[in-house]
Amino acid sequence: MNFIQKTAATFGVIAGMAAPSFAEDINGDTVLATVNGTKITAAHVVTLVDRLPPNYAALDDKVLFDGILDQLIQQTLLADTANTDSKRVKLARENEERALLATVALDALGDTAITEEALAKEYEAEFGDLPEEPEFKAAHILVETEETAKELIAALEGGAEFGELAKEKSTGPSGPNGGDLGWFGQGQMVPEFEEAVAAMEVGGVSAPVKTQFGWHVIKLNEKRNKPAPTMEEVKESLEDSLRGKAVEAEITRLEAEGEIDKLEVSDDYSFIRNTTFLDD
């Protein structure tokens, strides 16, 4: 069971434990609980809250406080019973500390890399020179035969209203909405339909168009070039990109400047499952 699972599971578990007394002005060194002589401070609680995923961090402060403090109390009680001198524990501690320090370094690196200027440059590099990509706003009437499609075109030429005709005659799911397909871009429609729309003028009605679905009569209502996404829409992905590039560059630098000596291992890698290595 991981930390988050334990935190969730321990909410409300401890019963009959005396509630701690609080001063009005709590700081990081304020002792919230003492367990067999080990002090648990407000800073210990904040450290865990700061690393919670959003769904847990959004919980009510009291719920978080009660659950995390109980978690820390239970962990301390259990830790007092553990054999801390065992080889397995020492190795696990080394790995956990290494991972923690690496995470701290990565967090600091990401904070440094993400600036308004860097975001603006990344946005320009990603979206500044986007090729023009047309988008279309069209409506259609879908029928089973070419003859019926030609009859519809004749009716339109005679003054019939496209939307009303679509509601009455179209067999497609957009019929009740007057055949409206909304905005769509390249690759979103079957090729025959897309090719026909791309060749049309705004306001025009197509000749019958055959696709795998039947026969279409299409009206092109509007045409535009696809707008670039706004900064807000892509800010999160740009931040991820900047963070990833910064991490990659820093690891490359550290590997180049660091002294790394790796043992060449033979083809037998089964040793990675040999848990006797962890025995005292």
C-alpha atoms as a PDB file:
ATOM      1  CA  MET A   1       0.000   0.000   0.000  1.00  0.00           C
ATOM      2  CA  ASN A   2       1.550   3.328  -1.050  1.00  0.00           C
ATOM      3  CA  PHE A   3       1.528   6.608   0.894  1.00  0.00           C
ATOM      4  CA  ILE A   4      -1.599   7.981  -0.777  1.00  0.00           C
ATOM      5  CA  GLN A   5      -3.513   4.770  -0.179  1.00  0.00           C
ATOM      6  CA  LYS A   6      -2.391   4.736   3.435  1.00  0.00           C
ATOM      7  CA  THR A   7      -3.338   8.374   3.866  1.00  0.00           C
ATOM      8  CA  ALA A   8      -6.831   7.712   2.508  1.00  0.00           C
ATOM      9  CA  ALA A   9      -7.210   4.571   4.601  1.00  0.00           C
ATOM     10  CA  THR A  10      -6.211   6.213   7.848  1.00  0.00           C
ATOM     11  CA  PHE A  11      -8.692   9.111   7.741  1.00  0.00           C
ATOM     12  CA  GLY A  12     -10.724   8.623  10.885  1.00  0.00           C
ATOM     13  CA  VAL A  13      -9.005   5.343  11.842  1.00  0.00           C
ATOM     14  CA  ILE A  14      -7.305   6.477  15.024  1.00  0.00           C
ATOM     15  CA  ALA A  15      -9.898   6.638  17.775  1.00  0.00           C
ATOM     16  CA  GLY A  16      -9.532   7.498  21.418  1.00  0.00           C
ATOM     17  CA  MET A  17      -6.282   9.411  20.885  1.00  0.00           C
ATOM     18  CA  ALA A  18      -6.080  12.705  22.725  1.00  0.00           C
ATOM     19  CA  ALA A  19      -6.281  15.708  20.418  1.00  0.00           C
ATOM     20  CA  PRO A  20      -3.203  17.976  20.492  1.00  0.00           C
ATOM     21  CA  SER A  21      -3.415  21.477  21.900  1.00  0.00           C
ATOM     22  CA  PHE A  22      -2.815  24.285  19.417  1.00  0.00           C
ATOM     23  CA  ALA A  23      -1.304  27.699  19.857  1.00  0.00           C
ATOM     24  CA  GLU A  24      -2.797  30.515  17.850  1.00  0.00           C
ATOM     25  CA  ASP A  25       0.355  31.045  15.756  1.00  0.00           C
ATOM     26  CA  ILE A  26       1.644  27.723  14.455  1.00  0.00           C
ATOM     27  CA  ASN A  27       4.982  27.721  12.660  1.00  0.00           C
ATOM     28  CA  GLY A  28       7.050  25.017  11.019  1.00  0.00           C
ATOM     29  CA  ASP A  29       8.713  23.999  14.283  1.00  0.00           C
ATOM     30  CA  THR A  30       5.439  23.649  16.179  1.00  0.00           C
ATOM     31  CA  VAL A  31       5.238  20.121  17.582  1.00  0.00           C
ATOM     32  CA  LEU A  32       1.878  18.635  16.651  1.00  0.00           C
ATOM     33  CA  ALA A  33       2.464  15.256  18.275  1.00  0.00           C
ATOM     34  CA  THR A  34       5.157  13.345  20.148  1.00  0.00           C
ATOM     35  CA  VAL A  35       5.365   9.586  19.698  1.00  0.00           C
ATOM     36  CA  ASN A  36       7.675   7.685  22.040  1.00  0.00           C
ATOM     37  CA  GLY A  37       9.866  10.761  22.215  1.00  0.00           C
ATOM     38  CA  THR A  38       9.864  11.464  18.434  1.00  0.00           C
ATOM     39  CA  LYS A  39       8.518  14.896  17.539  1.00  0.00           C
ATOM     40  CA  ILE A  40       6.175  15.398  14.588  1.00  0.00           C
ATOM     41  CA  THR A  41       6.125  19.063  13.572  1.00  0.00           C
ATOM     42  CA  ALA A  42       3.888  21.206  11.387  1.00  0.00           C
ATOM     43  CA  ALA A  43       6.671  21.205   8.787  1.00  0.00           C
ATOM     44  CA  HIS A  44       6.461  17.408   8.572  1.00  0.00           C
ATOM     45  CA  VAL A  45       2.765  17.706   7.727  1.00  0.00           C
ATOM     46  CA  VAL A  46       3.323  20.513   5.198  1.00  0.00           C
ATOM     47  CA  THR A  47       6.037  18.453   3.468  1.00  0.00           C
ATOM     48  CA  LEU A  48       3.538  15.686   2.770  1.00  0.00           C
ATOM     49  CA  VAL A  49       0.675  18.013   1.812  1.00  0.00           C
ATOM     50  CA  ASP A  50       2.955  19.825  -0.638  1.00  0.00           C
ATOM     51  CA  ARG A  51       3.543  16.614  -2.581  1.00  0.00           C
ATOM     52  CA  LEU A  52      -0.030  15.338  -2.702  1.00  0.00           C
ATOM     53  CA  PRO A  53      -1.691  14.927  -6.122  1.00  0.00           C
ATOM     54  CA  PRO A  54      -4.400  17.499  -6.914  1.00  0.00           C
ATOM     55  CA  ASN A  55      -7.366  15.278  -6.006  1.00  0.00           C
ATOM     56  CA  TYR A  56      -6.044  14.875  -2.450  1.00  0.00           C
ATOM     57  CA  ALA A  57      -4.669  18.407  -2.126  1.00  0.00           C
ATOM     58  CA  ALA A  58      -8.167  19.724  -2.832  1.00  0.00           C
ATOM     59  CA  LEU A  59      -9.573  18.075   0.297  1.00  0.00           C
ATOM     60  CA  ASP A  60     -10.694  20.175   3.250  1.00  0.00           C
ATOM     61  CA  ASP A  61      -7.758  21.337   5.392  1.00  0.00           C
ATOM     62  CA  LYS A  62      -9.043  19.637   8.536  1.00  0.00           C
ATOM     63  CA  VAL A  63      -9.581  16.348   6.716  1.00  0.00           C
ATOM     64  CA  LEU A  64      -6.038  16.533   5.336  1.00  0.00           C
ATOM     65  CA  PHE A  65      -4.579  17.508   8.675  1.00  0.00           C
ATOM     66  CA  ASP A  66      -6.293  14.716  10.598  1.00  0.00           C
ATOM     67  CA  GLY A  67      -5.455  12.082   8.014  1.00  0.00           C
ATOM     68  CA  ILE A  68      -1.801  13.041   7.518  1.00  0.00           C
ATOM     69  CA  LEU A  69      -1.044  13.523  11.194  1.00  0.00           C
ATOM     70  CA  ASP A  70      -2.581  10.130  11.944  1.00  0.00           C
ATOM     71  CA  GLN A  71      -0.497   8.704   9.128  1.00  0.00           C
ATOM     72  CA  LEU A  72       2.702  10.165  10.564  1.00  0.00           C
ATOM     73  CA  ILE A  73       1.832   8.893  14.038  1.00  0.00           C
ATOM     74  CA  GLN A  74       1.226   5.386  12.724  1.00  0.00           C
ATOM     75  CA  GLN A  75       4.399   5.448  10.656  1.00  0.00           C
ATOM     76  CA  THR A  76       6.412   6.524  13.702  1.00  0.00           C
ATOM     77  CA  LEU A  77       4.925   3.748  15.843  1.00  0.00           C
ATOM     78  CA  LEU A  78       5.697   1.179  13.163  1.00  0.00           C
ATOM     79  CA  ALA A  79       9.175   2.598  12.494  1.00  0.00           C
ATOM     80  CA  ASP A  80      10.061   2.135  16.165  1.00  0.00           C
ATOM     81  CA  THR A  81       9.508  -1.612  15.759  1.00  0.00           C
ATOM     82  CA  ALA A  82      11.608  -1.960  12.586  1.00  0.00           C
ATOM     83  CA  ASN A  83      15.137  -3.320  12.429  1.00  0.00           C
ATOM     84  CA  THR A  84      16.833  -0.189  11.129  1.00  0.00           C
ATOM     85  CA  ASP A  85      20.259  -1.800  11.134  1.00  0.00           C
ATOM     86  CA  SER A  86      19.355  -4.402   8.512  1.00  0.00           C
ATOM     87  CA  LYS A  87      21.103  -4.312   5.161  1.00  0.00           C
ATOM     88  CA  ARG A  88      17.767  -4.200   3.349  1.00  0.00           C
ATOM     89  CA  VAL A  89      16.691  -1.075   5.241  1.00  0.00           C
ATOM     90  CA  LYS A  90      20.031   0.671   4.705  1.00  0.00           C
ATOM     91  CA  LEU A  91      19.917   0.028   0.966  1.00  0.00           C
ATOM     92  CA  ALA A  92      16.291   1.116   0.717  1.00  0.00           C
ATOM     93  CA  ARG A  93      17.130   4.323   2.565  1.00  0.00           C
ATOM     94  CA  GLU A  94      19.963   5.049   0.152  1.00  0.00           C
ATOM     95  CA  ASN A  95      17.667   4.538  -2.835  1.00  0.00           C
ATOM     96  CA  GLU A  96      14.881   6.638  -1.306  1.00  0.00           C
ATOM     97  CA  GLU A  97      17.267   9.462  -0.457  1.00  0.00           C
ATOM     98  CA  ARG A  98      18.779   9.365  -3.943  1.00  0.00           C
ATOM     99  CA  ALA A  99      15.334   9.506  -5.534  1.00  0.00           C
ATOM    100  CA  LEU A 100      14.210  12.319  -3.219  1.00  0.00           C
ATOM    101  CA  LEU A 101      17.264  14.475  -3.933  1.00  0.00           C
ATOM    102  CA  ALA A 102      16.926  13.857  -7.677  1.00  0.00           C
ATOM    103  CA  THR A 103      13.276  14.947  -7.492  1.00  0.00           C
ATOM    104  CA  VAL A 104      14.245  18.107  -5.594  1.00  0.00           C
ATOM    105  CA  ALA A 105      16.835  18.903  -8.269  1.00  0.00           C
ATOM    106  CA  LEU A 106      14.331  18.291 -11.074  1.00  0.00           C
ATOM    107  CA  ASP A 107      11.703  20.485  -9.427  1.00  0.00           C
ATOM    108  CA  ALA A 108      14.198  23.324  -9.058  1.00  0.00           C
ATOM    109  CA  LEU A 109      15.320  22.888 -12.641  1.00  0.00           C
ATOM    110  CA  GLY A 110      11.747  23.034 -13.913  1.00  0.00           C
ATOM    111  CA  ASP A 111      11.020  26.176 -11.905  1.00  0.00           C
ATOM    112  CA  THR A 112      14.074  27.861 -13.403  1.00  0.00           C
ATOM    113  CA  ALA A 113      13.280  26.807 -16.972  1.00  0.00           C
ATOM    114  CA  ILE A 114       9.664  28.007 -17.004  1.00  0.00           C
ATOM    115  CA  THR A 115       9.541  31.780 -17.393  1.00  0.00           C
ATOM    116  CA  GLU A 116       7.152  34.024 -19.289  1.00  0.00           C
ATOM    117  CA  GLU A 117       9.889  34.767 -21.810  1.00  0.00           C
ATOM    118  CA  ALA A 118      10.684  31.076 -22.300  1.00  0.00           C
ATOM    119  CA  LEU A 119       6.988  30.275 -22.703  1.00  0.00           C
ATOM    120  CA  ALA A 120       6.596  33.012 -25.323  1.00  0.00           C
ATOM    121  CA  LYS A 121       9.586  31.700 -27.291  1.00  0.00           C
ATOM    122  CA  GLU A 122       8.352  28.119 -27.076  1.00  0.00           C
ATOM    123  CA  TYR A 123       4.886  29.185 -28.233  1.00  0.00           C
ATOM    124  CA  GLU A 124       6.355  31.076 -31.194  1.00  0.00           C
ATOM    125  CA  ALA A 125       8.576  28.134 -32.131  1.00  0.00           C
ATOM    126  CA  GLU A 126       5.658  25.724 -31.927  1.00  0.00           C
ATOM    127  CA  PHE A 127       2.850  27.770 -33.452  1.00  0.00           C
ATOM    128  CA  GLY A 128       4.352  30.918 -34.971  1.00  0.00           C
ATOM    129  CA  ASP A 129       4.890  29.489 -38.449  1.00  0.00           C
ATOM    130  CA  LEU A 130       1.984  27.098 -38.693  1.00  0.00           C
ATOM    131  CA  PRO A 131       1.054  26.482 -42.334  1.00  0.00           C
ATOM    132  CA  GLU A 132      -2.383  27.674 -43.298  1.00  0.00           C
ATOM    133  CA  GLU A 133      -4.898  24.888 -42.806  1.00  0.00           C
ATOM    134  CA  PRO A 134      -8.431  25.518 -44.050  1.00  0.00           C
ATOM    135  CA  GLU A 135     -11.498  24.697 -41.991  1.00  0.00           C
ATOM    136  CA  PHE A 136     -15.024  24.474 -43.323  1.00  0.00           C
ATOM    137  CA  LYS A 137     -18.483  25.019 -41.891  1.00  0.00           C
ATOM    138  CA  ALA A 138     -20.960  23.087 -43.979  1.00  0.00           C
ATOM    139  CA  ALA A 139     -24.323  21.369 -43.961  1.00  0.00           C
ATOM    140  CA  HIS A 140     -25.446  18.374 -45.977  1.00  0.00           C
ATOM    141  CA  ILE A 141     -28.442  16.306 -46.898  1.00  0.00           C
ATOM    142  CA  LEU A 142     -27.812  12.564 -47.070  1.00  0.00           C
ATOM    143  CA  VAL A 143     -30.029  10.368 -49.250  1.00  0.00           C
ATOM    144  CA  GLU A 144     -29.849   6.891 -50.711  1.00  0.00           C
ATOM    145  CA  THR A 145     -29.794   7.564 -54.473  1.00  0.00           C
ATOM    146  CA  GLU A 146     -28.272  10.021 -56.921  1.00  0.00           C
ATOM    147  CA  GLU A 147     -31.709  10.616 -58.427  1.00  0.00           C
ATOM    148  CA  THR A 148     -33.058  11.798 -55.058  1.00  0.00           C
ATOM    149  CA  ALA A 149     -30.024  14.032 -54.596  1.00  0.00           C
ATOM    150  CA  LYS A 150     -30.667  15.661 -57.998  1.00  0.00           C
ATOM    151  CA  GLU A 151     -34.288  16.232 -57.043  1.00  0.00           C
ATOM    152  CA  LEU A 152     -33.151  18.006 -53.887  1.00  0.00           C
ATOM    153  CA  ILE A 153     -30.800  20.243 -55.870  1.00  0.00           C
ATOM    154  CA  ALA A 154     -33.664  21.143 -58.207  1.00  0.00           C
ATOM    155  CA  ALA A 155     -35.820  21.991 -55.203  1.00  0.00           C
ATOM    156  CA  LEU A 156     -33.078  24.221 -53.798  1.00  0.00           C
ATOM    157  CA  GLU A 157     -32.705  25.972 -57.129  1.00  0.00           C
ATOM    158  CA  GLY A 158     -36.449  26.533 -57.009  1.00  0.00           C
ATOM    159  CA  GLY A 159     -36.183  28.381 -53.712  1.00  0.00           C
ATOM    160  CA  ALA A 160     -36.455  25.632 -51.082  1.00  0.00           C
ATOM    161  CA  GLU A 161     -34.630  26.353 -47.802  1.00  0.00           C
ATOM    162  CA  PHE A 162     -31.648  24.026 -47.264  1.00  0.00           C
ATOM    163  CA  GLY A 163     -32.114  23.516 -43.519  1.00  0.00           C
ATOM    164  CA  GLU A 164     -35.794  22.692 -43.793  1.00  0.00           C
ATOM    165  CA  LEU A 165     -35.122  20.302 -46.666  1.00  0.00           C
ATOM    166  CA  ALA A 166     -32.439  18.569 -44.613  1.00  0.00           C
ATOM    167  CA  LYS A 167     -34.814  18.134 -41.685  1.00  0.00           C
ATOM    168  CA  GLU A 168     -37.404  16.607 -43.979  1.00  0.00           C
ATOM    169  CA  LYS A 169     -35.308  14.472 -46.312  1.00  0.00           C
ATOM    170  CA  SER A 170     -31.866  13.702 -44.814  1.00  0.00           C
ATOM    171  CA  THR A 171     -31.232  10.198 -43.487  1.00  0.00           C
ATOM    172  CA  GLY A 172     -28.089  11.297 -41.658  1.00  0.00           C
ATOM    173  CA  PRO A 173     -27.830  12.072 -37.914  1.00  0.00           C
ATOM    174  CA  SER A 174     -27.386  15.795 -38.635  1.00  0.00           C
ATOM    175  CA  GLY A 175     -30.778  15.981 -40.395  1.00  0.00           C
ATOM    176  CA  PRO A 176     -32.768  17.186 -37.366  1.00  0.00           C
ATOM    177  CA  ASN A 177     -30.267  20.048 -37.043  1.00  0.00           C
ATOM    178  CA  GLY A 178     -30.794  21.172 -40.601  1.00  0.00           C
ATOM    179  CA  GLY A 179     -27.838  19.110 -41.799  1.00  0.00           C
ATOM    180  CA  ASP A 180     -25.371  21.305 -39.902  1.00  0.00           C
ATOM    181  CA  LEU A 181     -21.945  19.672 -39.542  1.00  0.00           C
ATOM    182  CA  GLY A 182     -20.248  22.540 -37.704  1.00  0.00           C
ATOM    183  CA  TRP A 183     -16.591  23.326 -38.312  1.00  0.00           C
ATOM    184  CA  PHE A 184     -14.283  20.574 -39.551  1.00  0.00           C
ATOM    185  CA  GLY A 185     -10.788  20.390 -40.942  1.00  0.00           C
ATOM    186  CA  GLN A 186      -8.672  18.178 -43.132  1.00  0.00           C
ATOM    187  CA  GLY A 187      -8.927  14.486 -42.443  1.00  0.00           C
ATOM    188  CA  GLN A 188     -12.146  14.690 -40.461  1.00  0.00           C
ATOM    189  CA  MET A 189     -14.453  13.696 -43.307  1.00  0.00           C
ATOM    190  CA  VAL A 190     -14.237  10.845 -45.809  1.00  0.00           C
ATOM    191  CA  PRO A 191     -12.028  11.805 -48.795  1.00  0.00           C
ATOM    192  CA  GLU A 192     -14.812  12.206 -51.378  1.00  0.00           C
ATOM    193  CA  PHE A 193     -16.743  14.540 -49.109  1.00  0.00           C
ATOM    194  CA  GLU A 194     -13.661  16.563 -48.169  1.00  0.00           C
ATOM    195  CA  GLU A 195     -12.542  16.962 -51.788  1.00  0.00           C
ATOM    196  CA  ALA A 196     -15.976  18.206 -52.799  1.00  0.00           C
ATOM    197  CA  VAL A 197     -16.111  20.763 -49.981  1.00  0.00           C
ATOM    198  CA  ALA A 198     -12.571  22.018 -50.671  1.00  0.00           C
ATOM    199  CA  ALA A 199     -13.545  22.817 -54.274  1.00  0.00           C
ATOM    200  CA  MET A 200     -16.682  24.775 -53.325  1.00  0.00           C
ATOM    201  CA  GLU A 201     -17.290  28.497 -52.951  1.00  0.00           C
ATOM    202  CA  VAL A 202     -18.893  29.824 -49.779  1.00  0.00           C
ATOM    203  CA  GLY A 203     -22.659  29.848 -50.189  1.00  0.00           C
ATOM    204  CA  GLY A 204     -22.571  27.268 -52.971  1.00  0.00           C
ATOM    205  CA  VAL A 205     -24.390  23.952 -53.210  1.00  0.00           C
ATOM    206  CA  SER A 206     -22.606  20.899 -54.567  1.00  0.00           C
ATOM    207  CA  ALA A 207     -23.561  18.442 -57.252  1.00  0.00           C
ATOM    208  CA  PRO A 208     -24.442  15.010 -55.836  1.00  0.00           C
ATOM    209  CA  VAL A 209     -21.431  13.526 -53.987  1.00  0.00           C
ATOM    210  CA  LYS A 210     -21.123   9.752 -53.571  1.00  0.00           C
ATOM    211  CA  THR A 211     -19.501   8.312 -50.434  1.00  0.00           C
ATOM    212  CA  GLN A 212     -19.721   5.040 -48.557  1.00  0.00           C
ATOM    213  CA  PHE A 213     -22.700   6.470 -46.648  1.00  0.00           C
ATOM    214  CA  GLY A 214     -24.821   7.358 -49.659  1.00  0.00           C
ATOM    215  CA  TRP A 215     -25.382  10.483 -51.740  1.00  0.00           C
ATOM    216  CA  HIS A 216     -24.790  13.959 -50.324  1.00  0.00           C
ATOM    217  CA  VAL A 217     -25.955  17.406 -51.275  1.00  0.00           C
ATOM    218  CA  ILE A 218     -23.567  19.829 -49.555  1.00  0.00           C
ATOM    219  CA  LYS A 219     -23.840  23.522 -48.779  1.00  0.00           C
ATOM    220  CA  LEU A 220     -20.659  25.387 -47.761  1.00  0.00           C
ATOM    221  CA  ASN A 221     -21.624  28.082 -45.276  1.00  0.00           C
ATOM    222  CA  GLU A 222     -18.239  29.428 -44.160  1.00  0.00           C
ATOM    223  CA  LYS A 223     -14.517  28.897 -44.704  1.00  0.00           C
ATOM    224  CA  ARG A 224     -11.524  30.034 -42.663  1.00  0.00           C
ATOM    225  CA  ASN A 225      -7.928  29.184 -41.843  1.00  0.00           C
ATOM    226  CA  LYS A 226      -7.626  27.142 -38.679  1.00  0.00           C
ATOM    227  CA  PRO A 227      -6.696  29.501 -35.843  1.00  0.00           C
ATOM    228  CA  ALA A 228      -3.618  28.771 -33.739  1.00  0.00           C
ATOM    229  CA  PRO A 229      -4.404  27.738 -30.164  1.00  0.00           C
ATOM    230  CA  THR A 230      -4.159  30.454 -27.535  1.00  0.00           C
ATOM    231  CA  MET A 231      -1.324  30.517 -25.029  1.00  0.00           C
ATOM    232  CA  GLU A 232      -3.707  29.498 -22.257  1.00  0.00           C
ATOM    233  CA  GLU A 233      -4.902  26.484 -24.224  1.00  0.00           C
ATOM    234  CA  VAL A 234      -1.384  25.116 -24.678  1.00  0.00           C
ATOM    235  CA  LYS A 235       0.417  26.569 -21.661  1.00  0.00           C
ATOM    236  CA  GLU A 236       0.534  23.273 -19.778  1.00  0.00           C
ATOM    237  CA  SER A 237       1.994  21.366 -22.725  1.00  0.00           C
ATOM    238  CA  LEU A 238       4.527  24.153 -23.345  1.00  0.00           C
ATOM    239  CA  GLU A 239       5.600  24.017 -19.704  1.00  0.00           C
ATOM    240  CA  ASP A 240       6.028  20.245 -19.991  1.00  0.00           C
ATOM    241  CA  SER A 241       8.112  20.744 -23.114  1.00  0.00           C
ATOM    242  CA  LEU A 242      10.339  23.353 -21.467  1.00  0.00           C
ATOM    243  CA  ARG A 243      10.731  21.205 -18.384  1.00  0.00           C
ATOM    244  CA  GLY A 244      11.625  18.155 -20.455  1.00  0.00           C
ATOM    245  CA  LYS A 245      14.194  20.044 -22.520  1.00  0.00           C
ATOM    246  CA  ALA A 246      15.785  21.534 -19.406  1.00  0.00           C
ATOM    247  CA  VAL A 247      16.015  18.140 -17.726  1.00  0.00           C
ATOM    248  CA  GLU A 248      17.476  16.509 -20.832  1.00  0.00           C
ATOM    249  CA  ALA A 249      20.071  19.269 -21.216  1.00  0.00           C
ATOM    250  CA  GLU A 250      21.043  19.122 -17.554  1.00  0.00           C
ATOM    251  CA  ILE A 251      21.393  15.336 -17.512  1.00  0.00           C
ATOM    252  CA  THR A 252      23.486  15.504 -20.695  1.00  0.00           C
ATOM    253  CA  ARG A 253      25.735  18.106 -19.046  1.00  0.00           C
ATOM    254  CA  LEU A 254      26.072  16.143 -15.824  1.00  0.00           C
ATOM    255  CA  GLU A 255      26.866  12.930 -17.681  1.00  0.00           C
ATOM    256  CA  ALA A 256      29.535  14.719 -19.720  1.00  0.00           C
ATOM    257  CA  GLU A 257      31.135  16.369 -16.713  1.00  0.00           C
ATOM    258  CA  GLY A 258      30.654  13.593 -14.176  1.00  0.00           C
ATOM    259  CA  GLU A 259      32.921  10.622 -13.495  1.00  0.00           C
ATOM    260  CA  ILE A 260      30.871   7.547 -14.354  1.00  0.00           C
ATOM    261  CA  ASP A 261      32.375   4.082 -14.288  1.00  0.00           C
ATOM    262  CA  LYS A 262      29.938   1.323 -15.293  1.00  0.00           C
ATOM    263  CA  LEU A 263      30.703  -2.361 -14.992  1.00  0.00           C
ATOM    264  CA  GLU A 264      30.256  -4.263 -18.250  1.00  0.00           C
ATOM    265  CA  VAL A 265      27.781  -7.028 -17.420  1.00  0.00           C
ATOM    266  CA  SER A 266      27.669 -10.322 -19.286  1.00  0.00           C
ATOM    267  CA  ASP A 267      24.526 -11.631 -20.967  1.00  0.00           C
ATOM    268  CA  ASP A 268      23.246 -13.096 -17.694  1.00  0.00           C
ATOM    269  CA  TYR A 269      21.194 -10.451 -15.887  1.00  0.00           C
ATOM    270  CA  SER A 270      19.314 -12.819 -13.594  1.00  0.00           C
ATOM    271  CA  PHE A 271      21.244 -11.445 -10.605  1.00  0.00           C
ATOM    272  CA  ILE A 272      18.770  -8.533 -10.389  1.00  0.00           C
ATOM    273  CA  ARG A 273      16.270 -10.966  -8.835  1.00  0.00           C
ATOM    274  CA  ASN A 274      18.682 -12.421  -6.267  1.00  0.00           C
ATOM    275  CA  THR A 275      17.197 -11.220  -2.981  1.00  0.00           C
ATOM    276  CA  THR A 276      19.946 -12.942  -0.987  1.00  0.00           C
ATOM    277  CA  PHE A 277      22.002  -9.827  -1.796  1.00  0.00           C
ATOM    278  CA  LEU A 278      19.801  -8.087   0.762  1.00  0.00           C
ATOM    279  CA  ASP A 279      20.454 -10.544   3.574  1.00  0.00           C
ATOM    280  CA  ASP A 280      22.599  -9.437   6.522  1.00  0.00           C
END
